[in-house]
């Protein structure tokens, strides 16, 4: 089986590409930059998803198509750039996938589709979900939509919140958060999410929407305390008052809209503390490398 992963140089995409390779898929990565994590058995295509001819050429002969490409920084997002990349880019990919008769198209969405938060990132994901379902209704292309919760783990960049927090703790001896820390999240280790992202290729997940989130809820302030205790440093926890949550949700992303999805979890998963340790090791090396410059 052949699989192409659009956005496969990035955080979740690179881990899914590795999981596919582990399960003996012939994997191609398509991204705007060459992957730092490219394995010897993987192929690399460097290009723009808005280059429809290149997208079409790359998808030809593939059995499975994943789309992880997105402008995902909610706070500093550019509307036109976001809509072009997230919506039009996805339209180009699924149209080419449809013309190539792929066996499954997988769209990486977000639990923000349940919410009226998430700014243009959230609205672009909601739009893309509708487009995917319309392509299925009109052209019968098999699909799976994955709605990810709060991901963390190795290979994350500054857009990832836990990465930001750990780096701030290491470099500034403090953690700053707008809000009181009572907000709830369901964190999931990226490698666990990647494994589940390949499990969804099973027949029972065809033409389904699937939520991939953590196994338990955790308060933001409790996560801060965990990081402080693991680092064993005098980390100042600073909570800034705010009455405007802007584009982020406080307790739940859900508002009353009929968007049913299955929730997929695994009995085997990484403990949050162990996952944080791996993040800290990677980010600590990143900070050391930056200090050498």
C-alpha atoms as a PDB file:
ATOM      1  CA  UNK A   1       0.000   0.000   0.000  1.00  0.00           C
ATOM      2  CA  UNK A   2       1.175   3.501  -0.868  1.00  0.00           C
ATOM      3  CA  UNK A   3       0.465   6.545   1.287  1.00  0.00           C
ATOM      4  CA  UNK A   4       1.271  10.224   0.795  1.00  0.00           C
ATOM      5  CA  UNK A   5       1.333  12.585   3.758  1.00  0.00           C
ATOM      6  CA  UNK A   6       0.809  16.261   2.953  1.00  0.00           C
ATOM      7  CA  UNK A   7       2.401  18.292   5.725  1.00  0.00           C
ATOM      8  CA  UNK A   8       4.582  15.303   6.566  1.00  0.00           C
ATOM      9  CA  UNK A   9       7.546  17.455   7.598  1.00  0.00           C
ATOM     10  CA  UNK A  10       5.588  18.912  10.502  1.00  0.00           C
ATOM     11  CA  UNK A  11       4.704  17.915  14.051  1.00  0.00           C
ATOM     12  CA  UNK A  12       1.904  15.353  13.805  1.00  0.00           C
ATOM     13  CA  UNK A  13       2.440  14.681  10.086  1.00  0.00           C
ATOM     14  CA  UNK A  14       6.025  13.463  10.531  1.00  0.00           C
ATOM     15  CA  UNK A  15       5.004  11.070  13.288  1.00  0.00           C
ATOM     16  CA  UNK A  16       2.154   9.671  11.175  1.00  0.00           C
ATOM     17  CA  UNK A  17       4.569   9.211   8.268  1.00  0.00           C
ATOM     18  CA  UNK A  18       6.882   7.249  10.578  1.00  0.00           C
ATOM     19  CA  UNK A  19       3.999   5.115  11.852  1.00  0.00           C
ATOM     20  CA  UNK A  20       2.953   4.319   8.286  1.00  0.00           C
ATOM     21  CA  UNK A  21       6.526   3.308   7.436  1.00  0.00           C
ATOM     22  CA  UNK A  22       6.620   1.160  10.580  1.00  0.00           C
ATOM     23  CA  UNK A  23       3.528  -0.662   9.281  1.00  0.00           C
ATOM     24  CA  UNK A  24       5.185  -1.278   5.897  1.00  0.00           C
ATOM     25  CA  UNK A  25       3.454   1.420   3.863  1.00  0.00           C
ATOM     26  CA  UNK A  26       5.363   2.924   0.942  1.00  0.00           C
ATOM     27  CA  UNK A  27       5.403   6.532   2.223  1.00  0.00           C
ATOM     28  CA  UNK A  28       5.798   9.814   0.345  1.00  0.00           C
ATOM     29  CA  UNK A  29       6.004  13.112   2.216  1.00  0.00           C
ATOM     30  CA  UNK A  30       4.815  16.307   0.513  1.00  0.00           C
ATOM     31  CA  UNK A  31       5.686  19.589   2.201  1.00  0.00           C
ATOM     32  CA  UNK A  32       6.990  23.078   1.517  1.00  0.00           C
ATOM     33  CA  UNK A  33      10.241  22.204   3.313  1.00  0.00           C
ATOM     34  CA  UNK A  34      12.274  19.012   3.322  1.00  0.00           C
ATOM     35  CA  UNK A  35      11.637  16.867   6.389  1.00  0.00           C
ATOM     36  CA  UNK A  36      14.335  16.754   9.070  1.00  0.00           C
ATOM     37  CA  UNK A  37      12.934  13.365  10.042  1.00  0.00           C
ATOM     38  CA  UNK A  38      12.899  11.719   6.609  1.00  0.00           C
ATOM     39  CA  UNK A  39      13.633   8.011   6.844  1.00  0.00           C
ATOM     40  CA  UNK A  40      15.649   6.107   4.199  1.00  0.00           C
ATOM     41  CA  UNK A  41      12.546   4.265   2.971  1.00  0.00           C
ATOM     42  CA  UNK A  42      10.483   7.463   2.624  1.00  0.00           C
ATOM     43  CA  UNK A  43      10.234   9.650  -0.476  1.00  0.00           C
ATOM     44  CA  UNK A  44      10.197  13.450  -0.317  1.00  0.00           C
ATOM     45  CA  UNK A  45       8.396  15.959  -2.535  1.00  0.00           C
ATOM     46  CA  UNK A  46       9.105  19.629  -1.787  1.00  0.00           C
ATOM     47  CA  UNK A  47       6.392  21.871  -3.141  1.00  0.00           C
ATOM     48  CA  UNK A  48       3.355  24.083  -2.604  1.00  0.00           C
ATOM     49  CA  UNK A  49      -0.081  22.491  -2.125  1.00  0.00           C
ATOM     50  CA  UNK A  50      -1.498  25.326  -4.251  1.00  0.00           C
ATOM     51  CA  UNK A  51       0.539  23.951  -7.175  1.00  0.00           C
ATOM     52  CA  UNK A  52      -2.280  21.764  -8.468  1.00  0.00           C
ATOM     53  CA  UNK A  53      -0.230  20.067 -11.199  1.00  0.00           C
ATOM     54  CA  UNK A  54       2.434  18.968  -8.710  1.00  0.00           C
ATOM     55  CA  UNK A  55      -0.208  17.860  -6.206  1.00  0.00           C
ATOM     56  CA  UNK A  56      -1.940  15.795  -8.899  1.00  0.00           C
ATOM     57  CA  UNK A  57       1.326  14.232 -10.066  1.00  0.00           C
ATOM     58  CA  UNK A  58       2.309  13.358  -6.494  1.00  0.00           C
ATOM     59  CA  UNK A  59      -1.014  11.712  -5.664  1.00  0.00           C
ATOM     60  CA  UNK A  60      -1.160   9.578  -8.805  1.00  0.00           C
ATOM     61  CA  UNK A  61      -0.806   5.905  -7.881  1.00  0.00           C
ATOM     62  CA  UNK A  62      -1.300   6.492  -4.135  1.00  0.00           C
ATOM     63  CA  UNK A  63      -3.750   4.384  -2.119  1.00  0.00           C
ATOM     64  CA  UNK A  64      -4.064   6.652   0.927  1.00  0.00           C
ATOM     65  CA  UNK A  65      -3.835  10.453   1.160  1.00  0.00           C
ATOM     66  CA  UNK A  66      -3.397  12.350   4.446  1.00  0.00           C
ATOM     67  CA  UNK A  67      -3.706  16.143   4.642  1.00  0.00           C
ATOM     68  CA  UNK A  68      -2.051  17.763   7.669  1.00  0.00           C
ATOM     69  CA  UNK A  69      -1.233  21.090   6.001  1.00  0.00           C
ATOM     70  CA  UNK A  70      -2.649  24.067   7.910  1.00  0.00           C
ATOM     71  CA  UNK A  71      -1.942  27.528   9.243  1.00  0.00           C
ATOM     72  CA  UNK A  72      -2.644  26.698  12.873  1.00  0.00           C
ATOM     73  CA  UNK A  73      -1.466  29.626  15.003  1.00  0.00           C
ATOM     74  CA  UNK A  74      -4.821  30.860  16.295  1.00  0.00           C
ATOM     75  CA  UNK A  75      -3.517  34.059  17.899  1.00  0.00           C
ATOM     76  CA  UNK A  76      -1.583  35.560  14.991  1.00  0.00           C
ATOM     77  CA  UNK A  77      -3.388  34.106  12.020  1.00  0.00           C
ATOM     78  CA  UNK A  78      -3.667  35.902   8.660  1.00  0.00           C
ATOM     79  CA  UNK A  79      -7.202  35.432   7.249  1.00  0.00           C
ATOM     80  CA  UNK A  80      -6.395  35.328   3.511  1.00  0.00           C
ATOM     81  CA  UNK A  81      -3.287  33.200   3.937  1.00  0.00           C
ATOM     82  CA  UNK A  82      -5.154  30.841   6.253  1.00  0.00           C
ATOM     83  CA  UNK A  83      -8.131  30.390   3.951  1.00  0.00           C
ATOM     84  CA  UNK A  84      -5.938  29.892   0.892  1.00  0.00           C
ATOM     85  CA  UNK A  85      -3.764  27.282   2.590  1.00  0.00           C
ATOM     86  CA  UNK A  86      -6.345  25.510   4.721  1.00  0.00           C
ATOM     87  CA  UNK A  87      -9.413  25.627   2.468  1.00  0.00           C
ATOM     88  CA  UNK A  88      -8.159  25.940  -1.105  1.00  0.00           C
ATOM     89  CA  UNK A  89      -5.149  23.736  -0.389  1.00  0.00           C
ATOM     90  CA  UNK A  90      -7.394  21.011   0.955  1.00  0.00           C
ATOM     91  CA  UNK A  91      -9.730  21.400  -2.044  1.00  0.00           C
ATOM     92  CA  UNK A  92      -6.804  20.895  -4.438  1.00  0.00           C
ATOM     93  CA  UNK A  93      -5.651  17.780  -2.571  1.00  0.00           C
ATOM     94  CA  UNK A  94      -9.038  16.081  -2.280  1.00  0.00           C
ATOM     95  CA  UNK A  95      -9.928  16.909  -5.889  1.00  0.00           C
ATOM     96  CA  UNK A  96      -6.687  15.301  -7.096  1.00  0.00           C
ATOM     97  CA  UNK A  97      -7.276  12.357  -4.749  1.00  0.00           C
ATOM     98  CA  UNK A  98     -10.764  11.930  -6.147  1.00  0.00           C
ATOM     99  CA  UNK A  99      -9.483  11.929  -9.744  1.00  0.00           C
ATOM    100  CA  UNK A 100      -6.876   9.305  -8.790  1.00  0.00           C
ATOM    101  CA  UNK A 101      -9.449   6.978  -7.180  1.00  0.00           C
ATOM    102  CA  UNK A 102      -7.608   6.699  -3.868  1.00  0.00           C
ATOM    103  CA  UNK A 103      -8.856   4.176  -1.328  1.00  0.00           C
ATOM    104  CA  UNK A 104      -9.048   6.691   1.551  1.00  0.00           C
ATOM    105  CA  UNK A 105      -8.671  10.448   2.039  1.00  0.00           C
ATOM    106  CA  UNK A 106      -7.850  11.503   5.604  1.00  0.00           C
ATOM    107  CA  UNK A 107      -8.349  15.104   6.664  1.00  0.00           C
ATOM    108  CA  UNK A 108      -6.717  16.381   9.859  1.00  0.00           C
ATOM    109  CA  UNK A 109      -9.274  18.590  11.565  1.00  0.00           C
ATOM    110  CA  UNK A 110      -9.582  19.893  15.124  1.00  0.00           C
ATOM    111  CA  UNK A 111     -11.961  19.764  18.067  1.00  0.00           C
ATOM    112  CA  UNK A 112     -12.335  23.515  17.459  1.00  0.00           C
ATOM    113  CA  UNK A 113     -14.968  22.586  14.854  1.00  0.00           C
ATOM    114  CA  UNK A 114     -17.297  22.010  17.815  1.00  0.00           C
ATOM    115  CA  UNK A 115     -16.740  25.537  19.051  1.00  0.00           C
ATOM    116  CA  UNK A 116     -17.378  29.108  18.025  1.00  0.00           C
ATOM    117  CA  UNK A 117     -13.733  29.735  19.007  1.00  0.00           C
ATOM    118  CA  UNK A 118     -10.561  29.214  17.010  1.00  0.00           C
ATOM    119  CA  UNK A 119     -10.876  32.299  14.786  1.00  0.00           C
ATOM    120  CA  UNK A 120     -10.156  31.676  11.089  1.00  0.00           C
ATOM    121  CA  UNK A 121      -8.354  28.423  11.920  1.00  0.00           C
ATOM    122  CA  UNK A 122     -11.553  27.006  13.408  1.00  0.00           C
ATOM    123  CA  UNK A 123     -13.808  28.264  10.617  1.00  0.00           C
ATOM    124  CA  UNK A 124     -11.420  26.960   7.958  1.00  0.00           C
ATOM    125  CA  UNK A 125     -11.507  23.489   9.518  1.00  0.00           C
ATOM    126  CA  UNK A 126     -15.316  23.529   9.639  1.00  0.00           C
ATOM    127  CA  UNK A 127     -15.416  24.574   5.992  1.00  0.00           C
ATOM    128  CA  UNK A 128     -12.987  21.810   4.987  1.00  0.00           C
ATOM    129  CA  UNK A 129     -15.032  19.164   6.776  1.00  0.00           C
ATOM    130  CA  UNK A 130     -18.085  20.189   4.750  1.00  0.00           C
ATOM    131  CA  UNK A 131     -16.047  20.103   1.537  1.00  0.00           C
ATOM    132  CA  UNK A 132     -14.756  16.596   2.309  1.00  0.00           C
ATOM    133  CA  UNK A 133     -18.274  15.320   2.932  1.00  0.00           C
ATOM    134  CA  UNK A 134     -19.554  17.000  -0.242  1.00  0.00           C
ATOM    135  CA  UNK A 135     -16.835  15.265  -2.282  1.00  0.00           C
ATOM    136  CA  UNK A 136     -17.925  11.965  -0.774  1.00  0.00           C
ATOM    137  CA  UNK A 137     -21.588  12.630  -1.529  1.00  0.00           C
ATOM    138  CA  UNK A 138     -20.911  13.724  -5.106  1.00  0.00           C
ATOM    139  CA  UNK A 139     -18.006  11.447  -6.100  1.00  0.00           C
ATOM    140  CA  UNK A 140     -18.078   8.655  -3.478  1.00  0.00           C
ATOM    141  CA  UNK A 141     -14.486   9.177  -2.350  1.00  0.00           C
ATOM    142  CA  UNK A 142     -13.924   7.248   0.925  1.00  0.00           C
ATOM    143  CA  UNK A 143     -12.793   9.533   3.752  1.00  0.00           C
ATOM    144  CA  UNK A 144     -12.012   9.792   7.439  1.00  0.00           C
ATOM    145  CA  UNK A 145     -11.957  13.081   9.327  1.00  0.00           C
ATOM    146  CA  UNK A 146      -9.729  13.171  12.416  1.00  0.00           C
ATOM    147  CA  UNK A 147     -10.418  15.854  15.011  1.00  0.00           C
ATOM    148  CA  UNK A 148      -7.350  16.216  17.194  1.00  0.00           C
ATOM    149  CA  UNK A 149      -7.345  17.444  20.755  1.00  0.00           C
ATOM    150  CA  UNK A 150      -4.380  19.041  22.556  1.00  0.00           C
ATOM    151  CA  UNK A 151      -1.247  17.404  21.148  1.00  0.00           C
ATOM    152  CA  UNK A 152       2.181  17.533  22.758  1.00  0.00           C
ATOM    153  CA  UNK A 153       5.495  15.751  22.359  1.00  0.00           C
ATOM    154  CA  UNK A 154       8.770  15.739  20.408  1.00  0.00           C
ATOM    155  CA  UNK A 155       9.144  17.694  17.152  1.00  0.00           C
ATOM    156  CA  UNK A 156       6.678  20.394  18.241  1.00  0.00           C
ATOM    157  CA  UNK A 157       7.551  24.015  17.502  1.00  0.00           C
ATOM    158  CA  UNK A 158       6.772  27.346  19.149  1.00  0.00           C
ATOM    159  CA  UNK A 159       3.135  27.146  17.996  1.00  0.00           C
ATOM    160  CA  UNK A 160       2.564  24.232  20.403  1.00  0.00           C
ATOM    161  CA  UNK A 161       1.449  25.452  23.819  1.00  0.00           C
ATOM    162  CA  UNK A 162       3.261  22.872  25.978  1.00  0.00           C
ATOM    163  CA  UNK A 163       6.440  23.506  23.995  1.00  0.00           C
ATOM    164  CA  UNK A 164       6.069  27.246  24.725  1.00  0.00           C
ATOM    165  CA  UNK A 165       5.505  26.625  28.437  1.00  0.00           C
ATOM    166  CA  UNK A 166       8.476  24.297  28.906  1.00  0.00           C
ATOM    167  CA  UNK A 167      10.790  26.606  26.969  1.00  0.00           C
ATOM    168  CA  UNK A 168       9.682  29.615  29.013  1.00  0.00           C
ATOM    169  CA  UNK A 169      10.253  27.663  32.227  1.00  0.00           C
ATOM    170  CA  UNK A 170      13.757  26.662  31.111  1.00  0.00           C
ATOM    171  CA  UNK A 171      14.822  30.090  29.858  1.00  0.00           C
ATOM    172  CA  UNK A 172      12.941  32.512  32.140  1.00  0.00           C
ATOM    173  CA  UNK A 173      12.211  30.431  35.278  1.00  0.00           C
ATOM    174  CA  UNK A 174       8.548  31.335  34.988  1.00  0.00           C
ATOM    175  CA  UNK A 175       5.333  30.278  33.258  1.00  0.00           C
ATOM    176  CA  UNK A 176       2.856  32.944  32.178  1.00  0.00           C
ATOM    177  CA  UNK A 177      -0.762  32.184  31.372  1.00  0.00           C
ATOM    178  CA  UNK A 178      -3.746  34.392  30.579  1.00  0.00           C
ATOM    179  CA  UNK A 179      -6.570  33.119  32.783  1.00  0.00           C
ATOM    180  CA  UNK A 180      -6.742  31.477  36.203  1.00  0.00           C
ATOM    181  CA  UNK A 181      -5.403  28.063  35.220  1.00  0.00           C
ATOM    182  CA  UNK A 182      -8.732  26.345  35.814  1.00  0.00           C
ATOM    183  CA  UNK A 183      -9.201  25.657  32.096  1.00  0.00           C
ATOM    184  CA  UNK A 184      -9.447  21.980  31.189  1.00  0.00           C
ATOM    185  CA  UNK A 185      -7.638  20.138  28.388  1.00  0.00           C
ATOM    186  CA  UNK A 186      -7.256  16.501  27.297  1.00  0.00           C
ATOM    187  CA  UNK A 187      -3.595  16.220  26.309  1.00  0.00           C
ATOM    188  CA  UNK A 188      -2.498  13.385  24.048  1.00  0.00           C
ATOM    189  CA  UNK A 189       1.086  12.376  23.333  1.00  0.00           C
ATOM    190  CA  UNK A 190       1.838  12.837  19.646  1.00  0.00           C
ATOM    191  CA  UNK A 191       3.118   9.280  19.106  1.00  0.00           C
ATOM    192  CA  UNK A 192      -0.083   7.860  20.592  1.00  0.00           C
ATOM    193  CA  UNK A 193      -2.086  10.134  18.290  1.00  0.00           C
ATOM    194  CA  UNK A 194      -0.004   9.025  15.296  1.00  0.00           C
ATOM    195  CA  UNK A 195      -0.655   5.364  16.030  1.00  0.00           C
ATOM    196  CA  UNK A 196      -4.400   5.978  16.257  1.00  0.00           C
ATOM    197  CA  UNK A 197      -4.180   8.043  13.050  1.00  0.00           C
ATOM    198  CA  UNK A 198      -3.144   4.892  11.194  1.00  0.00           C
ATOM    199  CA  UNK A 199      -5.578   2.646  13.069  1.00  0.00           C
ATOM    200  CA  UNK A 200      -8.409   4.673  11.490  1.00  0.00           C
ATOM    201  CA  UNK A 201      -7.582   3.104   8.106  1.00  0.00           C
ATOM    202  CA  UNK A 202      -9.545   0.079   9.288  1.00  0.00           C
ATOM    203  CA  UNK A 203     -12.884  -0.403   7.492  1.00  0.00           C
ATOM    204  CA  UNK A 204     -15.047   0.590  10.474  1.00  0.00           C
ATOM    205  CA  UNK A 205     -13.686   4.160  10.305  1.00  0.00           C
ATOM    206  CA  UNK A 206     -14.416   4.687   6.617  1.00  0.00           C
ATOM    207  CA  UNK A 207     -16.654   7.728   6.014  1.00  0.00           C
ATOM    208  CA  UNK A 208     -16.535   8.592   9.716  1.00  0.00           C
ATOM    209  CA  UNK A 209     -15.427  11.520  11.864  1.00  0.00           C
ATOM    210  CA  UNK A 210     -13.146  10.490  14.721  1.00  0.00           C
ATOM    211  CA  UNK A 211     -12.031  12.430  17.797  1.00  0.00           C
ATOM    212  CA  UNK A 212      -8.483  11.664  18.937  1.00  0.00           C
ATOM    213  CA  UNK A 213      -7.871  13.224  22.352  1.00  0.00           C
ATOM    214  CA  UNK A 214      -6.293  12.313  25.671  1.00  0.00           C
ATOM    215  CA  UNK A 215      -7.709   9.802  28.136  1.00  0.00           C
ATOM    216  CA  UNK A 216      -8.302  12.244  30.973  1.00  0.00           C
ATOM    217  CA  UNK A 217      -8.925  15.909  31.582  1.00  0.00           C
ATOM    218  CA  UNK A 218      -6.328  18.035  33.334  1.00  0.00           C
ATOM    219  CA  UNK A 219      -6.432  21.599  34.622  1.00  0.00           C
ATOM    220  CA  UNK A 220      -3.891  23.964  33.097  1.00  0.00           C
ATOM    221  CA  UNK A 221      -2.568  24.929  36.538  1.00  0.00           C
ATOM    222  CA  UNK A 222      -2.042  21.257  37.456  1.00  0.00           C
ATOM    223  CA  UNK A 223       0.056  20.824  34.316  1.00  0.00           C
ATOM    224  CA  UNK A 224       2.093  23.868  35.350  1.00  0.00           C
ATOM    225  CA  UNK A 225       2.748  22.327  38.762  1.00  0.00           C
ATOM    226  CA  UNK A 226       3.785  19.038  37.119  1.00  0.00           C
ATOM    227  CA  UNK A 227       6.308  20.860  34.930  1.00  0.00           C
ATOM    228  CA  UNK A 228       7.644  22.801  37.941  1.00  0.00           C
ATOM    229  CA  UNK A 229       8.075  19.635  40.008  1.00  0.00           C
ATOM    230  CA  UNK A 230       9.690  17.633  37.183  1.00  0.00           C
ATOM    231  CA  UNK A 231      12.190  20.424  36.479  1.00  0.00           C
ATOM    232  CA  UNK A 232      12.833  20.752  40.234  1.00  0.00           C
ATOM    233  CA  UNK A 233      13.381  24.479  39.828  1.00  0.00           C
ATOM    234  CA  UNK A 234      11.942  27.605  41.396  1.00  0.00           C
ATOM    235  CA  UNK A 235       9.495  28.318  38.588  1.00  0.00           C
ATOM    236  CA  UNK A 236       7.181  31.299  39.089  1.00  0.00           C
ATOM    237  CA  UNK A 237       3.601  30.550  38.005  1.00  0.00           C
ATOM    238  CA  UNK A 238       1.997  33.779  36.816  1.00  0.00           C
ATOM    239  CA  UNK A 239      -1.704  33.977  35.911  1.00  0.00           C
ATOM    240  CA  UNK A 240      -2.836  37.143  34.179  1.00  0.00           C
ATOM    241  CA  UNK A 241      -6.426  38.337  34.610  1.00  0.00           C
ATOM    242  CA  UNK A 242      -8.593  38.316  31.520  1.00  0.00           C
ATOM    243  CA  UNK A 243     -12.286  38.581  30.827  1.00  0.00           C
ATOM    244  CA  UNK A 244     -11.917  37.888  27.123  1.00  0.00           C
ATOM    245  CA  UNK A 245     -11.001  34.352  26.070  1.00  0.00           C
ATOM    246  CA  UNK A 246     -10.702  35.489  22.486  1.00  0.00           C
ATOM    247  CA  UNK A 247     -10.118  32.542  20.191  1.00  0.00           C
ATOM    248  CA  UNK A 248      -9.500  29.941  22.925  1.00  0.00           C
ATOM    249  CA  UNK A 249     -12.046  27.915  24.879  1.00  0.00           C
ATOM    250  CA  UNK A 250     -11.996  27.695  28.701  1.00  0.00           C
ATOM    251  CA  UNK A 251     -13.506  24.344  29.739  1.00  0.00           C
ATOM    252  CA  UNK A 252     -14.906  22.722  26.619  1.00  0.00           C
ATOM    253  CA  UNK A 253     -14.815  23.307  22.874  1.00  0.00           C
ATOM    254  CA  UNK A 254     -18.374  22.038  22.522  1.00  0.00           C
ATOM    255  CA  UNK A 255     -21.346  24.171  21.607  1.00  0.00           C
ATOM    256  CA  UNK A 256     -24.701  22.740  20.579  1.00  0.00           C
ATOM    257  CA  UNK A 257     -24.238  21.717  16.967  1.00  0.00           C
ATOM    258  CA  UNK A 258     -25.082  18.307  15.460  1.00  0.00           C
ATOM    259  CA  UNK A 259     -21.543  17.147  14.587  1.00  0.00           C
ATOM    260  CA  UNK A 260     -21.371  13.552  15.771  1.00  0.00           C
ATOM    261  CA  UNK A 261     -18.010  11.777  15.916  1.00  0.00           C
ATOM    262  CA  UNK A 262     -16.565   8.614  17.413  1.00  0.00           C
ATOM    263  CA  UNK A 263     -13.925   9.070  20.107  1.00  0.00           C
ATOM    264  CA  UNK A 264     -10.895   6.858  19.570  1.00  0.00           C
ATOM    265  CA  UNK A 265      -8.483   6.103  22.414  1.00  0.00           C
ATOM    266  CA  UNK A 266      -6.117   3.284  23.273  1.00  0.00           C
ATOM    267  CA  UNK A 267      -5.580   1.320  26.476  1.00  0.00           C
ATOM    268  CA  UNK A 268      -1.836   1.674  25.861  1.00  0.00           C
ATOM    269  CA  UNK A 269      -0.652   5.254  25.974  1.00  0.00           C
ATOM    270  CA  UNK A 270       2.223   7.390  27.228  1.00  0.00           C
ATOM    271  CA  UNK A 271       1.949   8.698  30.780  1.00  0.00           C
ATOM    272  CA  UNK A 272       1.836  12.513  30.802  1.00  0.00           C
ATOM    273  CA  UNK A 273       4.846  12.778  33.100  1.00  0.00           C
ATOM    274  CA  UNK A 274       6.961  10.537  30.864  1.00  0.00           C
ATOM    275  CA  UNK A 275       5.836  12.496  27.824  1.00  0.00           C
ATOM    276  CA  UNK A 276       6.779  15.791  29.463  1.00  0.00           C
ATOM    277  CA  UNK A 277      10.232  14.412  30.291  1.00  0.00           C
ATOM    278  CA  UNK A 278      10.835  13.638  26.632  1.00  0.00           C
ATOM    279  CA  UNK A 279       9.665  17.140  25.671  1.00  0.00           C
ATOM    280  CA  UNK A 280      11.958  18.703  28.262  1.00  0.00           C
ATOM    281  CA  UNK A 281      14.972  16.762  27.008  1.00  0.00           C
ATOM    282  CA  UNK A 282      14.360  17.913  23.430  1.00  0.00           C
ATOM    283  CA  UNK A 283      13.608  21.551  24.338  1.00  0.00           C
ATOM    284  CA  UNK A 284      16.589  21.724  26.719  1.00  0.00           C
ATOM    285  CA  UNK A 285      18.869  20.728  23.835  1.00  0.00           C
ATOM    286  CA  UNK A 286      17.134  23.330  21.648  1.00  0.00           C
ATOM    287  CA  UNK A 287      17.838  26.049  24.245  1.00  0.00           C
ATOM    288  CA  UNK A 288      21.489  24.966  24.564  1.00  0.00           C
ATOM    289  CA  UNK A 289      21.925  25.121  20.778  1.00  0.00           C
ATOM    290  CA  UNK A 290      20.388  28.621  20.697  1.00  0.00           C
ATOM    291  CA  UNK A 291      22.762  29.816  23.436  1.00  0.00           C
ATOM    292  CA  UNK A 292      25.739  28.683  21.361  1.00  0.00           C
ATOM    293  CA  UNK A 293      24.781  30.994  18.497  1.00  0.00           C
END
